[in-house]
């Protein structure tokens, strides 16, 4: 199952990056771990272009456990825009067997929306 959500946040790109990593690795009931980082090719940009997170297990995917326990790869792409805006794209790739439930999709969409809320409320 693949889900993509895109958001734009106005603020300091470095702080947005820091809060984003904090949210996905520490603030969730089922946190992610960082698998990889793809940097911008420009030397003076201190935030990465893409961060790849992982969580869950293939066994949970096979047994039909909660969607947060299933093998998930989350690719978060940051695009810097003029006037201090950062576009964040969250691409979820969840290994599931069978048809995903509407409630499972809603859980992941809510997770992404809560990430934006967390960043904004953290005072960027």
PDB file of N, CA and C in Angstrom:
ATOM      1  N   UNK A   1       0.849  -1.164   0.000  1.00  0.00           N
ATOM      2  CA  UNK A   1       0.000   0.000   0.000  1.00  0.00           C
ATOM      3  C   UNK A   1       0.898   1.230   0.000  1.00  0.00           C
ATOM      4  N   UNK A   2       0.574   2.167  -0.860  1.00  0.00           N
ATOM      5  CA  UNK A   2       1.338   3.416  -0.928  1.00  0.00           C
ATOM      6  C   UNK A   2       0.408   4.601  -0.671  1.00  0.00           C
ATOM      7  N   UNK A   3       0.902   5.522   0.142  1.00  0.00           N
ATOM      8  CA  UNK A   3       0.165   6.748   0.452  1.00  0.00           C
ATOM      9  C   UNK A   3       1.147   7.904   0.367  1.00  0.00           C
ATOM     10  N   UNK A   4       0.718   9.009  -0.230  1.00  0.00           N
ATOM     11  CA  UNK A   4       1.553  10.206  -0.306  1.00  0.00           C
ATOM     12  C   UNK A   4       0.771  11.394   0.233  1.00  0.00           C
ATOM     13  N   UNK A   5       1.416  12.145   1.110  1.00  0.00           N
ATOM     14  CA  UNK A   5       0.838  13.384   1.651  1.00  0.00           C
ATOM     15  C   UNK A   5       1.876  14.488   1.485  1.00  0.00           C
ATOM     16  N   UNK A   6       1.433  15.673   1.075  1.00  0.00           N
ATOM     17  CA  UNK A   6       2.334  16.808   0.878  1.00  0.00           C
ATOM     18  C   UNK A   6       1.821  18.000   1.670  1.00  0.00           C
ATOM     19  N   UNK A   7       2.754  18.688   2.334  1.00  0.00           N
ATOM     20  CA  UNK A   7       2.432  19.851   3.152  1.00  0.00           C
ATOM     21  C   UNK A   7       3.450  20.947   2.885  1.00  0.00           C
ATOM     22  N   UNK A   8       3.054  22.190   3.114  1.00  0.00           N
ATOM     23  CA  UNK A   8       3.994  23.312   3.061  1.00  0.00           C
ATOM     24  C   UNK A   8       3.976  24.015   4.405  1.00  0.00           C
ATOM     25  N   UNK A   9       5.175  24.309   4.903  1.00  0.00           N
ATOM     26  CA  UNK A   9       5.316  24.991   6.188  1.00  0.00           C
ATOM     27  C   UNK A   9       6.262  26.158   5.981  1.00  0.00           C
ATOM     28  N   UNK A  10       5.881  27.311   6.514  1.00  0.00           N
ATOM     29  CA  UNK A  10       6.739  28.487   6.439  1.00  0.00           C
ATOM     30  C   UNK A  10       7.553  28.564   7.723  1.00  0.00           C
ATOM     31  N   UNK A  11       8.866  28.691   7.579  1.00  0.00           N
ATOM     32  CA  UNK A  11       9.722  28.780   8.753  1.00  0.00           C
ATOM     33  C   UNK A  11      11.149  28.400   8.440  1.00  0.00           C
ATOM     34  N   UNK A  12      11.956  28.345   9.482  1.00  0.00           N
ATOM     35  CA  UNK A  12      13.368  28.005   9.356  1.00  0.00           C
ATOM     36  C   UNK A  12      13.511  26.529   8.971  1.00  0.00           C
ATOM     37  N   UNK A  13      14.149  26.279   7.831  1.00  0.00           N
ATOM     38  CA  UNK A  13      14.257  24.918   7.297  1.00  0.00           C
ATOM     39  C   UNK A  13      14.997  23.975   8.245  1.00  0.00           C
ATOM     40  N   UNK A  14      16.032  24.466   8.911  1.00  0.00           N
ATOM     41  CA  UNK A  14      16.786  23.606   9.828  1.00  0.00           C
ATOM     42  C   UNK A  14      15.947  23.182  11.028  1.00  0.00           C
ATOM     43  N   UNK A  15      15.148  24.117  11.565  1.00  0.00           N
ATOM     44  CA  UNK A  15      14.273  23.770  12.690  1.00  0.00           C
ATOM     45  C   UNK A  15      13.186  22.793  12.254  1.00  0.00           C
ATOM     46  N   UNK A  16      12.642  23.017  11.061  1.00  0.00           N
ATOM     47  CA  UNK A  16      11.620  22.107  10.539  1.00  0.00           C
ATOM     48  C   UNK A  16      12.191  20.697  10.442  1.00  0.00           C
ATOM     49  N   UNK A  17      13.407  20.590   9.914  1.00  0.00           N
ATOM     50  CA  UNK A  17      14.069  19.286   9.811  1.00  0.00           C
ATOM     51  C   UNK A  17      14.244  18.652  11.188  1.00  0.00           C
ATOM     52  N   UNK A  18      14.744  19.429  12.153  1.00  0.00           N
ATOM     53  CA  UNK A  18      14.978  18.899  13.500  1.00  0.00           C
ATOM     54  C   UNK A  18      13.688  18.388  14.139  1.00  0.00           C
ATOM     55  N   UNK A  19      12.611  19.176  14.045  1.00  0.00           N
ATOM     56  CA  UNK A  19      11.335  18.765  14.637  1.00  0.00           C
ATOM     57  C   UNK A  19      10.741  17.560  13.907  1.00  0.00           C
ATOM     58  N   UNK A  20      10.935  17.501  12.605  1.00  0.00           N
ATOM     59  CA  UNK A  20      10.442  16.376  11.818  1.00  0.00           C
ATOM     60  C   UNK A  20      11.108  15.070  12.267  1.00  0.00           C
ATOM     61  N   UNK A  21      12.422  15.093  12.397  1.00  0.00           N
ATOM     62  CA  UNK A  21      13.151  13.899  12.851  1.00  0.00           C
ATOM     63  C   UNK A  21      12.740  13.538  14.274  1.00  0.00           C
ATOM     64  N   UNK A  22      12.620  14.537  15.138  1.00  0.00           N
ATOM     65  CA  UNK A  22      12.206  14.292  16.524  1.00  0.00           C
ATOM     66  C   UNK A  22      10.829  13.634  16.570  1.00  0.00           C
ATOM     67  N   UNK A  23       9.904  14.136  15.761  1.00  0.00           N
ATOM     68  CA  UNK A  23       8.542  13.589  15.748  1.00  0.00           C
ATOM     69  C   UNK A  23       8.533  12.113  15.341  1.00  0.00           C
ATOM     70  N   UNK A  24       9.154  11.795  14.222  1.00  0.00           N
ATOM     71  CA  UNK A  24       9.085  10.425  13.709  1.00  0.00           C
ATOM     72  C   UNK A  24       9.916   9.429  14.514  1.00  0.00           C
ATOM     73  N   UNK A  25      10.968   9.886  15.201  1.00  0.00           N
ATOM     74  CA  UNK A  25      11.822   8.941  15.934  1.00  0.00           C
ATOM     75  C   UNK A  25      11.527   8.861  17.432  1.00  0.00           C
ATOM     76  N   UNK A  26      10.859   9.885  18.007  1.00  0.00           N
ATOM     77  CA  UNK A  26      10.650   9.890  19.460  1.00  0.00           C
ATOM     78  C   UNK A  26       9.210  10.093  19.912  1.00  0.00           C
ATOM     79  N   UNK A  27       8.370  10.730  19.141  1.00  0.00           N
ATOM     80  CA  UNK A  27       7.053  11.151  19.619  1.00  0.00           C
ATOM     81  C   UNK A  27       5.911  10.197  19.287  1.00  0.00           C
ATOM     82  N   UNK A  28       6.168   9.164  18.524  1.00  0.00           N
ATOM     83  CA  UNK A  28       5.105   8.241  18.141  1.00  0.00           C
ATOM     84  C   UNK A  28       5.073   7.015  19.048  1.00  0.00           C
ATOM     85  N   UNK A  29       3.899   6.414  19.175  1.00  0.00           N
ATOM     86  CA  UNK A  29       3.778   5.173  19.950  1.00  0.00           C
ATOM     87  C   UNK A  29       4.620   4.062  19.314  1.00  0.00           C
ATOM     88  N   UNK A  30       4.646   4.038  17.992  1.00  0.00           N
ATOM     89  CA  UNK A  30       5.470   3.087  17.237  1.00  0.00           C
ATOM     90  C   UNK A  30       6.465   3.895  16.410  1.00  0.00           C
ATOM     91  N   UNK A  31       7.612   4.265  17.003  1.00  0.00           N
ATOM     92  CA  UNK A  31       8.547   5.176  16.326  1.00  0.00           C
ATOM     93  C   UNK A  31       9.290   4.515  15.158  1.00  0.00           C
ATOM     94  N   UNK A  32       9.784   5.369  14.289  1.00  0.00           N
ATOM     95  CA  UNK A  32      10.596   4.934  13.151  1.00  0.00           C
ATOM     96  C   UNK A  32      12.069   4.987  13.539  1.00  0.00           C
ATOM     97  N   UNK A  33      12.897   4.328  12.745  1.00  0.00           N
ATOM     98  CA  UNK A  33      14.347   4.491  12.859  1.00  0.00           C
ATOM     99  C   UNK A  33      14.833   5.011  11.506  1.00  0.00           C
ATOM    100  N   UNK A  34      15.887   5.784  11.535  1.00  0.00           N
ATOM    101  CA  UNK A  34      16.415   6.363  10.300  1.00  0.00           C
ATOM    102  C   UNK A  34      17.235   5.306   9.570  1.00  0.00           C
ATOM    103  N   UNK A  35      16.893   5.063   8.322  1.00  0.00           N
ATOM    104  CA  UNK A  35      17.633   4.099   7.513  1.00  0.00           C
ATOM    105  C   UNK A  35      18.635   4.781   6.584  1.00  0.00           C
ATOM    106  N   UNK A  36      18.332   5.992   6.155  1.00  0.00           N
ATOM    107  CA  UNK A  36      19.237   6.665   5.240  1.00  0.00           C
ATOM    108  C   UNK A  36      18.904   8.128   5.069  1.00  0.00           C
ATOM    109  N   UNK A  37      19.883   8.875   4.584  1.00  0.00           N
ATOM    110  CA  UNK A  37      19.723  10.306   4.349  1.00  0.00           C
ATOM    111  C   UNK A  37      20.357  10.626   2.999  1.00  0.00           C
ATOM    112  N   UNK A  38      19.630  11.377   2.181  1.00  0.00           N
ATOM    113  CA  UNK A  38      20.154  11.817   0.890  1.00  0.00           C
ATOM    114  C   UNK A  38      20.320  13.332   0.965  1.00  0.00           C
ATOM    115  N   UNK A  39      21.559  13.835   0.908  1.00  0.00           N
ATOM    116  CA  UNK A  39      21.786  15.274   1.066  1.00  0.00           C
ATOM    117  C   UNK A  39      21.557  16.049  -0.231  1.00  0.00           C
ATOM    118  N   UNK A  40      21.369  17.366  -0.076  1.00  0.00           N
ATOM    119  CA  UNK A  40      21.411  18.255  -1.235  1.00  0.00           C
ATOM    120  C   UNK A  40      22.835  18.279  -1.748  1.00  0.00           C
ATOM    121  N   UNK A  41      23.024  18.551  -3.015  1.00  0.00           N
ATOM    122  CA  UNK A  41      24.365  18.589  -3.592  1.00  0.00           C
ATOM    123  C   UNK A  41      25.031  19.957  -3.423  1.00  0.00           C
ATOM    124  N   UNK A  42      24.349  20.885  -2.797  1.00  0.00           N
ATOM    125  CA  UNK A  42      24.899  22.221  -2.576  1.00  0.00           C
ATOM    126  C   UNK A  42      25.523  22.253  -1.190  1.00  0.00           C
ATOM    127  N   UNK A  43      26.745  22.741  -1.088  1.00  0.00           N
ATOM    128  CA  UNK A  43      27.498  22.657   0.164  1.00  0.00           C
ATOM    129  C   UNK A  43      26.910  23.458   1.314  1.00  0.00           C
ATOM    130  N   UNK A  44      26.327  24.613   1.054  1.00  0.00           N
ATOM    131  CA  UNK A  44      25.894  25.472   2.149  1.00  0.00           C
ATOM    132  C   UNK A  44      24.476  25.173   2.645  1.00  0.00           C
ATOM    133  N   UNK A  45      23.849  24.118   2.175  1.00  0.00           N
ATOM    134  CA  UNK A  45      22.537  23.726   2.677  1.00  0.00           C
ATOM    135  C   UNK A  45      22.752  22.626   3.711  1.00  0.00           C
ATOM    136  N   UNK A  46      22.311  22.894   4.930  1.00  0.00           N
ATOM    137  CA  UNK A  46      22.618  22.012   6.054  1.00  0.00           C
ATOM    138  C   UNK A  46      21.532  20.993   6.368  1.00  0.00           C
ATOM    139  N   UNK A  47      20.472  20.968   5.593  1.00  0.00           N
ATOM    140  CA  UNK A  47      19.441  19.958   5.825  1.00  0.00           C
ATOM    141  C   UNK A  47      19.438  18.982   4.653  1.00  0.00           C
ATOM    142  N   UNK A  48      19.035  17.745   4.877  1.00  0.00           N
ATOM    143  CA  UNK A  48      19.027  16.781   3.777  1.00  0.00           C
ATOM    144  C   UNK A  48      17.833  16.985   2.851  1.00  0.00           C
ATOM    145  N   UNK A  49      17.948  16.453   1.669  1.00  0.00           N
ATOM    146  CA  UNK A  49      16.854  16.501   0.709  1.00  0.00           C
ATOM    147  C   UNK A  49      15.817  15.428   1.035  1.00  0.00           C
ATOM    148  N   UNK A  50      16.293  14.235   1.378  1.00  0.00           N
ATOM    149  CA  UNK A  50      15.396  13.112   1.651  1.00  0.00           C
ATOM    150  C   UNK A  50      15.882  12.331   2.865  1.00  0.00           C
ATOM    151  N   UNK A  51      14.932  11.946   3.716  1.00  0.00           N
ATOM    152  CA  UNK A  51      15.226  11.105   4.873  1.00  0.00           C
ATOM    153  C   UNK A  51      14.381   9.843   4.715  1.00  0.00           C
ATOM    154  N   UNK A  52      14.993   8.695   4.902  1.00  0.00           N
ATOM    155  CA  UNK A  52      14.274   7.433   4.780  1.00  0.00           C
ATOM    156  C   UNK A  52      14.171   6.802   6.169  1.00  0.00           C
ATOM    157  N   UNK A  53      12.924   6.591   6.598  1.00  0.00           N
ATOM    158  CA  UNK A  53      12.638   5.987   7.897  1.00  0.00           C
ATOM    159  C   UNK A  53      12.075   4.584   7.678  1.00  0.00           C
ATOM    160  N   UNK A  54      12.241   3.725   8.687  1.00  0.00           N
ATOM    161  CA  UNK A  54      11.648   2.384   8.671  1.00  0.00           C
ATOM    162  C   UNK A  54      11.072   2.048  10.038  1.00  0.00           C
ATOM    163  N   UNK A  55      10.058   1.189  10.023  1.00  0.00           N
ATOM    164  CA  UNK A  55       9.540   0.616  11.264  1.00  0.00           C
ATOM    165  C   UNK A  55       8.776  -0.658  10.931  1.00  0.00           C
ATOM    166  N   UNK A  56       8.488  -1.430  11.965  1.00  0.00           N
ATOM    167  CA  UNK A  56       7.673  -2.622  11.821  1.00  0.00           C
ATOM    168  C   UNK A  56       8.441  -3.834  11.348  1.00  0.00           C
ATOM    169  N   UNK A  57       7.683  -4.911  11.118  1.00  0.00           N
ATOM    170  CA  UNK A  57       8.302  -6.158  10.679  1.00  0.00           C
ATOM    171  C   UNK A  57       7.453  -6.821   9.601  1.00  0.00           C
ATOM    172  N   UNK A  58       8.105  -7.637   8.806  1.00  0.00           N
ATOM    173  CA  UNK A  58       7.403  -8.376   7.751  1.00  0.00           C
ATOM    174  C   UNK A  58       6.420  -9.373   8.342  1.00  0.00           C
ATOM    175  N   UNK A  59       6.759  -9.931   9.485  1.00  0.00           N
ATOM    176  CA  UNK A  59       5.865 -10.899  10.133  1.00  0.00           C
ATOM    177  C   UNK A  59       4.554 -10.227  10.541  1.00  0.00           C
ATOM    178  N   UNK A  60       4.646  -9.011  11.064  1.00  0.00           N
ATOM    179  CA  UNK A  60       3.429  -8.286  11.440  1.00  0.00           C
ATOM    180  C   UNK A  60       2.586  -8.007  10.200  1.00  0.00           C
ATOM    181  N   UNK A  61       3.242  -7.690   9.092  1.00  0.00           N
ATOM    182  CA  UNK A  61       2.517  -7.463   7.841  1.00  0.00           C
ATOM    183  C   UNK A  61       1.770  -8.721   7.418  1.00  0.00           C
ATOM    184  N   UNK A  62       2.405  -9.853   7.584  1.00  0.00           N
ATOM    185  CA  UNK A  62       1.826 -11.128   7.163  1.00  0.00           C
ATOM    186  C   UNK A  62       0.657 -11.545   8.050  1.00  0.00           C
ATOM    187  N   UNK A  63       0.739 -11.249   9.344  1.00  0.00           N
ATOM    188  CA  UNK A  63      -0.299 -11.695  10.278  1.00  0.00           C
ATOM    189  C   UNK A  63      -1.464 -10.729  10.405  1.00  0.00           C
ATOM    190  N   UNK A  64      -1.388  -9.570   9.761  1.00  0.00           N
ATOM    191  CA  UNK A  64      -2.496  -8.624   9.816  1.00  0.00           C
ATOM    192  C   UNK A  64      -2.553  -7.827  11.099  1.00  0.00           C
ATOM    193  N   UNK A  65      -1.406  -7.501  11.660  1.00  0.00           N
ATOM    194  CA  UNK A  65      -1.339  -6.708  12.895  1.00  0.00           C
ATOM    195  C   UNK A  65      -1.736  -5.259  12.604  1.00  0.00           C
ATOM    196  N   UNK A  66      -1.717  -4.443  13.647  1.00  0.00           N
ATOM    197  CA  UNK A  66      -1.995  -3.013  13.473  1.00  0.00           C
ATOM    198  C   UNK A  66      -1.088  -2.447  12.391  1.00  0.00           C
ATOM    199  N   UNK A  67      -1.580  -1.490  11.659  1.00  0.00           N
ATOM    200  CA  UNK A  67      -0.835  -0.938  10.528  1.00  0.00           C
ATOM    201  C   UNK A  67       0.507  -0.353  10.971  1.00  0.00           C
ATOM    202  N   UNK A  68       0.580   0.171  12.204  1.00  0.00           N
ATOM    203  CA  UNK A  68       1.830   0.754  12.697  1.00  0.00           C
ATOM    204  C   UNK A  68       2.902  -0.302  12.963  1.00  0.00           C
ATOM    205  N   UNK A  69       2.507  -1.572  13.085  1.00  0.00           N
ATOM    206  CA  UNK A  69       3.470  -2.646  13.330  1.00  0.00           C
ATOM    207  C   UNK A  69       3.936  -3.314  12.034  1.00  0.00           C
ATOM    208  N   UNK A  70       3.255  -3.020  10.936  1.00  0.00           N
ATOM    209  CA  UNK A  70       3.619  -3.608   9.646  1.00  0.00           C
ATOM    210  C   UNK A  70       4.902  -2.986   9.109  1.00  0.00           C
ATOM    211  N   UNK A  71       5.596  -3.720   8.277  1.00  0.00           N
ATOM    212  CA  UNK A  71       6.842  -3.245   7.664  1.00  0.00           C
ATOM    213  C   UNK A  71       6.534  -1.998   6.834  1.00  0.00           C
ATOM    214  N   UNK A  72       7.115  -0.863   7.251  1.00  0.00           N
ATOM    215  CA  UNK A  72       6.835   0.417   6.609  1.00  0.00           C
ATOM    216  C   UNK A  72       8.127   1.140   6.283  1.00  0.00           C
ATOM    217  N   UNK A  73       8.196   1.645   5.069  1.00  0.00           N
ATOM    218  CA  UNK A  73       9.278   2.543   4.674  1.00  0.00           C
ATOM    219  C   UNK A  73       8.641   3.897   4.416  1.00  0.00           C
ATOM    220  N   UNK A  74       9.142   4.909   5.097  1.00  0.00           N
ATOM    221  CA  UNK A  74       8.642   6.273   4.945  1.00  0.00           C
ATOM    222  C   UNK A  74       9.760   7.123   4.367  1.00  0.00           C
ATOM    223  N   UNK A  75       9.505   7.686   3.191  1.00  0.00           N
ATOM    224  CA  UNK A  75      10.480   8.561   2.532  1.00  0.00           C
ATOM    225  C   UNK A  75       9.942   9.989   2.654  1.00  0.00           C
ATOM    226  N   UNK A  76      10.671  10.827   3.398  1.00  0.00           N
ATOM    227  CA  UNK A  76      10.274  12.217   3.597  1.00  0.00           C
ATOM    228  C   UNK A  76      11.214  13.092   2.776  1.00  0.00           C
ATOM    229  N   UNK A  77      10.630  13.842   1.839  1.00  0.00           N
ATOM    230  CA  UNK A  77      11.409  14.715   0.967  1.00  0.00           C
ATOM    231  C   UNK A  77      11.134  16.162   1.333  1.00  0.00           C
ATOM    232  N   UNK A  78      12.204  16.931   1.498  1.00  0.00           N
ATOM    233  CA  UNK A  78      12.103  18.353   1.826  1.00  0.00           C
ATOM    234  C   UNK A  78      12.508  19.163   0.598  1.00  0.00           C
ATOM    235  N   UNK A  79      11.641  20.078   0.183  1.00  0.00           N
ATOM    236  CA  UNK A  79      11.947  20.960  -0.942  1.00  0.00           C
ATOM    237  C   UNK A  79      11.911  22.394  -0.444  1.00  0.00           C
ATOM    238  N   UNK A  80      13.026  23.084  -0.582  1.00  0.00           N
ATOM    239  CA  UNK A  80      13.116  24.472  -0.142  1.00  0.00           C
ATOM    240  C   UNK A  80      12.523  25.373  -1.208  1.00  0.00           C
ATOM    241  N   UNK A  81      11.609  26.246  -0.803  1.00  0.00           N
ATOM    242  CA  UNK A  81      10.953  27.177  -1.715  1.00  0.00           C
ATOM    243  C   UNK A  81      11.360  28.602  -1.351  1.00  0.00           C
ATOM    244  N   UNK A  82      11.127  29.549  -2.257  1.00  0.00           N
ATOM    245  CA  UNK A  82      11.449  30.946  -1.939  1.00  0.00           C
ATOM    246  C   UNK A  82      10.635  31.451  -0.744  1.00  0.00           C
ATOM    247  N   UNK A  83      11.138  32.487  -0.130  1.00  0.00           N
ATOM    248  CA  UNK A  83      10.457  33.165   0.985  1.00  0.00           C
ATOM    249  C   UNK A  83      10.295  32.277   2.210  1.00  0.00           C
ATOM    250  N   UNK A  84      11.234  31.368   2.437  1.00  0.00           N
ATOM    251  CA  UNK A  84      11.246  30.596   3.675  1.00  0.00           C
ATOM    252  C   UNK A  84      10.207  29.512   3.800  1.00  0.00           C
ATOM    253  N   UNK A  85       9.739  28.991   2.703  1.00  0.00           N
ATOM    254  CA  UNK A  85       8.747  27.922   2.749  1.00  0.00           C
ATOM    255  C   UNK A  85       9.425  26.586   2.456  1.00  0.00           C
ATOM    256  N   UNK A  86       9.005  25.555   3.169  1.00  0.00           N
ATOM    257  CA  UNK A  86       9.527  24.205   2.969  1.00  0.00           C
ATOM    258  C   UNK A  86       8.347  23.295   2.638  1.00  0.00           C
ATOM    259  N   UNK A  87       8.449  22.595   1.513  1.00  0.00           N
ATOM    260  CA  UNK A  87       7.432  21.618   1.144  1.00  0.00           C
ATOM    261  C   UNK A  87       7.907  20.245   1.606  1.00  0.00           C
ATOM    262  N   UNK A  88       7.061  19.573   2.372  1.00  0.00           N
ATOM    263  CA  UNK A  88       7.377  18.252   2.919  1.00  0.00           C
ATOM    264  C   UNK A  88       6.463  17.230   2.250  1.00  0.00           C
ATOM    265  N   UNK A  89       7.063  16.222   1.640  1.00  0.00           N
ATOM    266  CA  UNK A  89       6.297  15.139   1.030  1.00  0.00           C
ATOM    267  C   UNK A  89       6.604  13.847   1.777  1.00  0.00           C
ATOM    268  N   UNK A  90       5.560  13.207   2.281  1.00  0.00           N
ATOM    269  CA  UNK A  90       5.695  11.939   3.003  1.00  0.00           C
ATOM    270  C   UNK A  90       5.157  10.821   2.117  1.00  0.00           C
ATOM    271  N   UNK A  91       6.044   9.924   1.702  1.00  0.00           N
ATOM    272  CA  UNK A  91       5.661   8.769   0.888  1.00  0.00           C
ATOM    273  C   UNK A  91       5.745   7.514   1.748  1.00  0.00           C
ATOM    274  N   UNK A  92       4.588   6.957   2.075  1.00  0.00           N
ATOM    275  CA  UNK A  92       4.525   5.730   2.868  1.00  0.00           C
ATOM    276  C   UNK A  92       4.462   4.529   1.927  1.00  0.00           C
ATOM    277  N   UNK A  93       5.247   3.514   2.209  1.00  0.00           N
ATOM    278  CA  UNK A  93       5.172   2.235   1.509  1.00  0.00           C
ATOM    279  C   UNK A  93       5.032   1.165   2.590  1.00  0.00           C
ATOM    280  N   UNK A  94       3.816   0.644   2.728  1.00  0.00           N
ATOM    281  CA  UNK A  94       3.508  -0.313   3.789  1.00  0.00           C
ATOM    282  C   UNK A  94       3.269  -1.681   3.162  1.00  0.00           C
ATOM    283  N   UNK A  95       3.980  -2.673   3.671  1.00  0.00           N
ATOM    284  CA  UNK A  95       3.802  -4.049   3.189  1.00  0.00           C
ATOM    285  C   UNK A  95       2.578  -4.646   3.877  1.00  0.00           C
ATOM    286  N   UNK A  96       1.543  -4.842   3.108  1.00  0.00           N
ATOM    287  CA  UNK A  96       0.335  -5.474   3.627  1.00  0.00           C
ATOM    288  C   UNK A  96      -0.087  -6.575   2.666  1.00  0.00           C
ATOM    289  N   UNK A  97      -0.774  -7.548   3.189  1.00  0.00           N
ATOM    290  CA  UNK A  97      -1.313  -8.625   2.369  1.00  0.00           C
ATOM    291  C   UNK A  97      -2.816  -8.466   2.358  1.00  0.00           C
ATOM    292  N   UNK A  98      -3.383  -8.388   1.186  1.00  0.00           N
ATOM    293  CA  UNK A  98      -4.810  -8.155   1.081  1.00  0.00           C
ATOM    294  C   UNK A  98      -5.094  -6.672   0.878  1.00  0.00           C
ATOM    295  N   UNK A  99      -6.349  -6.329   0.947  1.00  0.00           N
ATOM    296  CA  UNK A  99      -6.784  -4.957   0.732  1.00  0.00           C
ATOM    297  C   UNK A  99      -6.647  -4.158   2.020  1.00  0.00           C
ATOM    298  N   UNK A 100      -5.991  -2.986   1.954  1.00  0.00           N
ATOM    299  CA  UNK A 100      -5.873  -2.165   3.164  1.00  0.00           C
ATOM    300  C   UNK A 100      -7.231  -1.597   3.571  1.00  0.00           C
ATOM    301  N   UNK A 101      -7.431  -1.489   4.857  1.00  0.00           N
ATOM    302  CA  UNK A 101      -8.670  -0.930   5.383  1.00  0.00           C
ATOM    303  C   UNK A 101      -8.638   0.588   5.318  1.00  0.00           C
ATOM    304  N   UNK A 102      -9.801   1.186   5.201  1.00  0.00           N
ATOM    305  CA  UNK A 102      -9.893   2.644   5.206  1.00  0.00           C
ATOM    306  C   UNK A 102      -9.340   3.193   6.516  1.00  0.00           C
ATOM    307  N   UNK A 103      -9.575   2.489   7.609  1.00  0.00           N
ATOM    308  CA  UNK A 103      -9.075   2.939   8.912  1.00  0.00           C
ATOM    309  C   UNK A 103      -7.548   2.912   8.962  1.00  0.00           C
ATOM    310  N   UNK A 104      -6.913   1.951   8.271  1.00  0.00           N
ATOM    311  CA  UNK A 104      -5.450   1.906   8.218  1.00  0.00           C
ATOM    312  C   UNK A 104      -4.893   3.112   7.467  1.00  0.00           C
ATOM    313  N   UNK A 105      -5.527   3.445   6.362  1.00  0.00           N
ATOM    314  CA  UNK A 105      -5.103   4.614   5.590  1.00  0.00           C
ATOM    315  C   UNK A 105      -5.266   5.871   6.433  1.00  0.00           C
ATOM    316  N   UNK A 106      -6.368   5.968   7.158  1.00  0.00           N
ATOM    317  CA  UNK A 106      -6.624   7.135   8.007  1.00  0.00           C
ATOM    318  C   UNK A 106      -5.570   7.273   9.101  1.00  0.00           C
ATOM    319  N   UNK A 107      -5.094   6.154   9.655  1.00  0.00           N
ATOM    320  CA  UNK A 107      -4.057   6.191  10.698  1.00  0.00           C
ATOM    321  C   UNK A 107      -2.789   6.837  10.155  1.00  0.00           C
ATOM    322  N   UNK A 108      -2.365   6.442   8.967  1.00  0.00           N
ATOM    323  CA  UNK A 108      -1.140   6.995   8.387  1.00  0.00           C
ATOM    324  C   UNK A 108      -1.314   8.453   7.973  1.00  0.00           C
ATOM    325  N   UNK A 109      -2.473   8.793   7.425  1.00  0.00           N
ATOM    326  CA  UNK A 109      -2.726  10.193   7.067  1.00  0.00           C
ATOM    327  C   UNK A 109      -2.732  11.074   8.307  1.00  0.00           C
ATOM    328  N   UNK A 110      -3.335  10.588   9.383  1.00  0.00           N
ATOM    329  CA  UNK A 110      -3.365  11.342  10.646  1.00  0.00           C
ATOM    330  C   UNK A 110      -1.953  11.504  11.202  1.00  0.00           C
ATOM    331  N   UNK A 111      -1.122  10.468  11.079  1.00  0.00           N
ATOM    332  CA  UNK A 111       0.265  10.539  11.531  1.00  0.00           C
ATOM    333  C   UNK A 111       1.008  11.668  10.811  1.00  0.00           C
ATOM    334  N   UNK A 112       0.833  11.767   9.499  1.00  0.00           N
ATOM    335  CA  UNK A 112       1.491  12.824   8.725  1.00  0.00           C
ATOM    336  C   UNK A 112       0.939  14.203   9.096  1.00  0.00           C
ATOM    337  N   UNK A 113      -0.366  14.309   9.260  1.00  0.00           N
ATOM    338  CA  UNK A 113      -0.975  15.587   9.639  1.00  0.00           C
ATOM    339  C   UNK A 113      -0.530  16.014  11.034  1.00  0.00           C
ATOM    340  N   UNK A 114      -0.398  15.063  11.949  1.00  0.00           N
ATOM    341  CA  UNK A 114       0.069  15.379  13.301  1.00  0.00           C
ATOM    342  C   UNK A 114       1.528  15.817  13.302  1.00  0.00           C
ATOM    343  N   UNK A 115       2.305  15.334  12.337  1.00  0.00           N
ATOM    344  CA  UNK A 115       3.695  15.780  12.200  1.00  0.00           C
ATOM    345  C   UNK A 115       3.735  17.275  11.910  1.00  0.00           C
ATOM    346  N   UNK A 116       2.895  17.731  10.992  1.00  0.00           N
ATOM    347  CA  UNK A 116       2.842  19.156  10.664  1.00  0.00           C
ATOM    348  C   UNK A 116       2.391  19.951  11.880  1.00  0.00           C
ATOM    349  N   UNK A 117       1.377  19.470  12.562  1.00  0.00           N
ATOM    350  CA  UNK A 117       0.876  20.138  13.772  1.00  0.00           C
ATOM    351  C   UNK A 117       1.979  20.237  14.824  1.00  0.00           C
ATOM    352  N   UNK A 118       2.738  19.159  15.010  1.00  0.00           N
ATOM    353  CA  UNK A 118       3.833  19.148  15.987  1.00  0.00           C
ATOM    354  C   UNK A 118       4.897  20.185  15.626  1.00  0.00           C
ATOM    355  N   UNK A 119       5.259  20.248  14.356  1.00  0.00           N
ATOM    356  CA  UNK A 119       6.276  21.208  13.913  1.00  0.00           C
ATOM    357  C   UNK A 119       5.804  22.637  14.145  1.00  0.00           C
ATOM    358  N   UNK A 120       4.576  22.933  13.756  1.00  0.00           N
ATOM    359  CA  UNK A 120       4.044  24.297  13.902  1.00  0.00           C
ATOM    360  C   UNK A 120       3.923  24.677  15.375  1.00  0.00           C
ATOM    361  N   UNK A 121       3.427  23.760  16.208  1.00  0.00           N
ATOM    362  CA  UNK A 121       3.261  24.054  17.634  1.00  0.00           C
ATOM    363  C   UNK A 121       4.589  24.128  18.379  1.00  0.00           C
ATOM    364  N   UNK A 122       5.653  23.575  17.795  1.00  0.00           N
ATOM    365  CA  UNK A 122       6.970  23.623  18.437  1.00  0.00           C
ATOM    366  C   UNK A 122       7.639  24.979  18.282  1.00  0.00           C
ATOM    367  N   UNK A 123       7.041  25.842  17.505  1.00  0.00           N
ATOM    368  CA  UNK A 123       7.526  27.219  17.423  1.00  0.00           C
ATOM    369  C   UNK A 123       8.606  27.470  16.397  1.00  0.00           C
ATOM    370  N   UNK A 124       8.351  27.091  15.162  1.00  0.00           N
ATOM    371  CA  UNK A 124       9.348  27.339  14.116  1.00  0.00           C
ATOM    372  C   UNK A 124       9.425  28.803  13.751  1.00  0.00           C
TER     373      UNK A 124
END
